[in-house]
Amino acid sequence: MHKINIEKSSFLEKCYKSDKIEVNSFHHQAIKKPAENFRVTATSEDRIIEAIEYKNILGVQWHPEQMNDVKFFKEYFKR
């Protein structure tokens, strides 16, 4: 587990009502440069991109399903 910093006005901030959360960490690769129009909405303490958003598309580096993060999925499907 490690902390991530969440950007204001992002889906993740609205979902968790916080600018920091802890997530699980299994990744060995990361996004270096997001695709055009995508917004970086979360980073780790060491500046690794942890989440990107564009319209109703959300990409995260962690595994909310393995964290039993019901809130994440409820909020996502409300979108």
N, C-alpha and C. Protein backbone atom coordinates (compact mmCIF):
# COMPACT_ATOMS: atom_id res chain seq x y z
N MET A 1 0.84 -1.18 0.00
CA MET A 1 0.00 0.00 0.00
C MET A 1 0.89 1.24 0.00
N HIS A 2 0.40 2.28 -0.66
CA HIS A 2 1.10 3.56 -0.64
C HIS A 2 0.10 4.67 -0.86
N LYS A 3 0.48 5.88 -0.49
CA LYS A 3 -0.40 7.04 -0.62
C LYS A 3 -0.31 7.63 -2.02
N ILE A 4 -1.46 8.15 -2.46
CA ILE A 4 -1.48 8.92 -3.71
C ILE A 4 -2.10 10.28 -3.44
N ASN A 5 -1.69 11.25 -4.23
CA ASN A 5 -2.23 12.61 -4.17
C ASN A 5 -3.24 12.77 -5.29
N ILE A 6 -4.42 13.25 -4.94
CA ILE A 6 -5.53 13.37 -5.89
C ILE A 6 -5.75 14.84 -6.24
N GLU A 7 -5.94 15.10 -7.53
CA GLU A 7 -6.18 16.45 -8.02
C GLU A 7 -7.60 16.92 -7.71
N LYS A 8 -7.71 18.22 -7.48
CA LYS A 8 -9.02 18.83 -7.24
C LYS A 8 -9.91 18.72 -8.47
N SER A 9 -11.20 18.63 -8.23
CA SER A 9 -12.23 18.57 -9.28
C SER A 9 -12.13 17.32 -10.15
N SER A 10 -11.50 16.29 -9.66
CA SER A 10 -11.42 15.04 -10.42
C SER A 10 -12.51 14.08 -9.93
N PHE A 11 -12.76 13.05 -10.72
CA PHE A 11 -13.69 12.01 -10.28
C PHE A 11 -13.24 11.42 -8.95
N LEU A 12 -11.93 11.16 -8.82
CA LEU A 12 -11.43 10.54 -7.60
C LEU A 12 -11.64 11.41 -6.37
N GLU A 13 -11.46 12.72 -6.52
CA GLU A 13 -11.71 13.62 -5.38
C GLU A 13 -13.18 13.59 -5.00
N LYS A 14 -14.05 13.59 -5.99
CA LYS A 14 -15.48 13.53 -5.70
C LYS A 14 -15.85 12.19 -5.07
N CYS A 15 -15.25 11.12 -5.54
CA CYS A 15 -15.53 9.78 -5.03
C CYS A 15 -15.10 9.64 -3.57
N TYR A 16 -13.87 10.01 -3.28
CA TYR A 16 -13.31 9.78 -1.94
C TYR A 16 -13.43 10.99 -1.01
N LYS A 17 -13.83 12.15 -1.57
CA LYS A 17 -13.93 13.38 -0.78
C LYS A 17 -12.65 13.64 -0.01
N SER A 18 -11.53 13.47 -0.73
CA SER A 18 -10.22 13.64 -0.13
C SER A 18 -9.20 13.92 -1.22
N ASP A 19 -8.07 14.51 -0.83
CA ASP A 19 -7.00 14.73 -1.81
C ASP A 19 -5.86 13.72 -1.63
N LYS A 20 -6.04 12.76 -0.70
CA LYS A 20 -5.06 11.69 -0.50
C LYS A 20 -5.79 10.41 -0.09
N ILE A 21 -5.36 9.30 -0.67
CA ILE A 21 -5.86 7.99 -0.24
C ILE A 21 -4.70 6.99 -0.31
N GLU A 22 -4.91 5.82 0.27
CA GLU A 22 -3.94 4.73 0.14
C GLU A 22 -4.48 3.70 -0.83
N VAL A 23 -3.60 3.24 -1.70
CA VAL A 23 -3.98 2.23 -2.69
C VAL A 23 -2.98 1.09 -2.67
N ASN A 24 -3.39 -0.04 -3.23
CA ASN A 24 -2.46 -1.16 -3.34
C ASN A 24 -1.50 -0.91 -4.49
N SER A 25 -0.41 -1.63 -4.49
CA SER A 25 0.62 -1.38 -5.49
C SER A 25 1.19 -2.69 -6.00
N PHE A 26 0.91 -2.97 -7.27
CA PHE A 26 1.44 -4.18 -7.91
C PHE A 26 2.15 -3.85 -9.21
N HIS A 27 2.09 -2.61 -9.63
CA HIS A 27 2.57 -2.27 -10.96
C HIS A 27 4.10 -2.25 -11.05
N HIS A 28 4.58 -2.57 -12.23
CA HIS A 28 6.02 -2.48 -12.51
C HIS A 28 6.24 -1.61 -13.75
N GLN A 29 5.15 -1.05 -14.27
CA GLN A 29 5.23 -0.11 -15.38
C GLN A 29 4.29 1.05 -15.06
N ALA A 30 4.52 2.18 -15.71
CA ALA A 30 3.68 3.35 -15.46
C ALA A 30 3.58 4.20 -16.71
N ILE A 31 2.62 5.09 -16.72
CA ILE A 31 2.45 6.03 -17.83
C ILE A 31 3.53 7.09 -17.73
N LYS A 32 4.22 7.30 -18.83
CA LYS A 32 5.23 8.37 -18.87
C LYS A 32 4.60 9.67 -19.36
N LYS A 33 3.82 9.55 -20.44
CA LYS A 33 3.16 10.72 -21.01
C LYS A 33 1.74 10.30 -21.41
N PRO A 34 0.73 10.90 -20.77
CA PRO A 34 -0.66 10.53 -21.10
C PRO A 34 -1.03 10.92 -22.54
N ALA A 35 -1.98 10.23 -23.08
CA ALA A 35 -2.50 10.55 -24.40
C ALA A 35 -3.12 11.94 -24.38
N GLU A 36 -3.20 12.54 -25.55
CA GLU A 36 -3.79 13.87 -25.69
C GLU A 36 -5.18 13.89 -25.08
N ASN A 37 -5.52 14.96 -24.42
CA ASN A 37 -6.81 15.20 -23.77
C ASN A 37 -6.95 14.52 -22.40
N PHE A 38 -6.11 13.57 -22.07
CA PHE A 38 -6.20 12.95 -20.76
C PHE A 38 -5.58 13.86 -19.71
N ARG A 39 -6.19 13.88 -18.56
CA ARG A 39 -5.73 14.70 -17.44
C ARG A 39 -5.16 13.77 -16.37
N VAL A 40 -3.98 14.07 -15.88
CA VAL A 40 -3.42 13.31 -14.76
C VAL A 40 -4.16 13.75 -13.51
N THR A 41 -4.80 12.81 -12.82
CA THR A 41 -5.62 13.17 -11.66
C THR A 41 -5.13 12.58 -10.35
N ALA A 42 -4.08 11.76 -10.41
CA ALA A 42 -3.47 11.26 -9.18
C ALA A 42 -2.02 10.87 -9.45
N THR A 43 -1.19 11.16 -8.48
CA THR A 43 0.23 10.78 -8.55
C THR A 43 0.67 10.23 -7.20
N SER A 44 1.70 9.41 -7.25
CA SER A 44 2.28 8.89 -6.00
C SER A 44 3.26 9.92 -5.44
N GLU A 45 3.72 9.65 -4.25
CA GLU A 45 4.67 10.57 -3.61
C GLU A 45 5.95 10.71 -4.45
N ASP A 46 6.31 9.67 -5.21
CA ASP A 46 7.50 9.74 -6.05
C ASP A 46 7.18 10.18 -7.49
N ARG A 47 6.00 10.82 -7.66
CA ARG A 47 5.59 11.49 -8.91
C ARG A 47 5.18 10.52 -10.04
N ILE A 48 4.94 9.27 -9.73
CA ILE A 48 4.45 8.33 -10.74
C ILE A 48 2.97 8.61 -10.97
N ILE A 49 2.55 8.61 -12.22
CA ILE A 49 1.15 8.83 -12.56
C ILE A 49 0.34 7.61 -12.08
N GLU A 50 -0.65 7.87 -11.25
CA GLU A 50 -1.48 6.81 -10.69
C GLU A 50 -2.89 6.78 -11.26
N ALA A 51 -3.35 7.91 -11.84
CA ALA A 51 -4.68 7.94 -12.43
C ALA A 51 -4.74 9.00 -13.52
N ILE A 52 -5.53 8.67 -14.55
CA ILE A 52 -5.79 9.62 -15.64
C ILE A 52 -7.29 9.61 -15.92
N GLU A 53 -7.80 10.74 -16.42
CA GLU A 53 -9.22 10.85 -16.72
C GLU A 53 -9.42 11.63 -18.02
N TYR A 54 -10.45 11.24 -18.73
CA TYR A 54 -10.91 11.98 -19.90
C TYR A 54 -12.38 11.65 -20.10
N LYS A 55 -13.23 12.65 -19.95
CA LYS A 55 -14.68 12.46 -20.04
C LYS A 55 -15.10 11.33 -19.10
N ASN A 56 -15.68 10.25 -19.63
CA ASN A 56 -16.11 9.16 -18.74
C ASN A 56 -15.10 8.01 -18.68
N ILE A 57 -13.87 8.26 -19.15
CA ILE A 57 -12.82 7.24 -19.12
C ILE A 57 -11.93 7.51 -17.92
N LEU A 58 -11.65 6.46 -17.17
CA LEU A 58 -10.80 6.56 -15.99
C LEU A 58 -9.80 5.41 -16.04
N GLY A 59 -8.53 5.73 -15.87
CA GLY A 59 -7.50 4.71 -15.79
C GLY A 59 -6.76 4.85 -14.47
N VAL A 60 -6.61 3.74 -13.75
CA VAL A 60 -5.90 3.77 -12.47
C VAL A 60 -4.82 2.70 -12.46
N GLN A 61 -3.76 2.96 -11.71
CA GLN A 61 -2.64 2.02 -11.62
C GLN A 61 -2.86 0.95 -10.56
N TRP A 62 -3.80 1.15 -9.67
CA TRP A 62 -4.03 0.19 -8.60
C TRP A 62 -5.21 -0.72 -8.95
N HIS A 63 -5.55 -1.62 -8.03
CA HIS A 63 -6.61 -2.60 -8.26
C HIS A 63 -7.70 -2.44 -7.21
N PRO A 64 -8.69 -1.54 -7.47
CA PRO A 64 -9.75 -1.34 -6.49
C PRO A 64 -10.56 -2.62 -6.22
N GLU A 65 -10.65 -3.49 -7.22
CA GLU A 65 -11.40 -4.73 -7.03
C GLU A 65 -10.73 -5.64 -6.00
N GLN A 66 -9.42 -5.57 -5.88
CA GLN A 66 -8.72 -6.38 -4.89
C GLN A 66 -8.73 -5.74 -3.50
N MET A 67 -9.13 -4.48 -3.45
CA MET A 67 -9.23 -3.77 -2.18
C MET A 67 -10.67 -3.79 -1.66
N ASN A 68 -11.56 -4.48 -2.40
CA ASN A 68 -12.99 -4.48 -2.07
C ASN A 68 -13.51 -3.04 -1.92
N ASP A 69 -13.09 -2.19 -2.83
CA ASP A 69 -13.42 -0.77 -2.79
C ASP A 69 -14.79 -0.54 -3.44
N VAL A 70 -15.83 -0.87 -2.71
CA VAL A 70 -17.19 -0.77 -3.21
C VAL A 70 -17.53 0.68 -3.57
N LYS A 71 -17.07 1.62 -2.77
CA LYS A 71 -17.35 3.04 -3.02
C LYS A 71 -16.87 3.46 -4.41
N PHE A 72 -15.68 3.04 -4.79
CA PHE A 72 -15.12 3.36 -6.10
C PHE A 72 -16.07 2.93 -7.21
N PHE A 73 -16.52 1.69 -7.15
CA PHE A 73 -17.37 1.16 -8.21
C PHE A 73 -18.77 1.78 -8.20
N LYS A 74 -19.33 2.03 -7.02
CA LYS A 74 -20.65 2.67 -6.95
C LYS A 74 -20.59 4.07 -7.57
N GLU A 75 -19.56 4.83 -7.23
CA GLU A 75 -19.44 6.18 -7.76
C GLU A 75 -19.15 6.15 -9.26
N TYR A 76 -18.31 5.22 -9.70
CA TYR A 76 -17.97 5.15 -11.11
C TYR A 76 -19.22 4.86 -11.95
N PHE A 77 -20.04 3.93 -11.51
CA PHE A 77 -21.21 3.56 -12.32
C PHE A 77 -22.33 4.59 -12.24
N LYS A 78 -22.25 5.53 -11.32
CA LYS A 78 -23.21 6.64 -11.27
C LYS A 78 -22.93 7.64 -12.39
N ARG A 79 -21.69 7.66 -12.90
CA ARG A 79 -21.28 8.66 -13.89
C ARG A 79 -22.09 8.60 -15.14
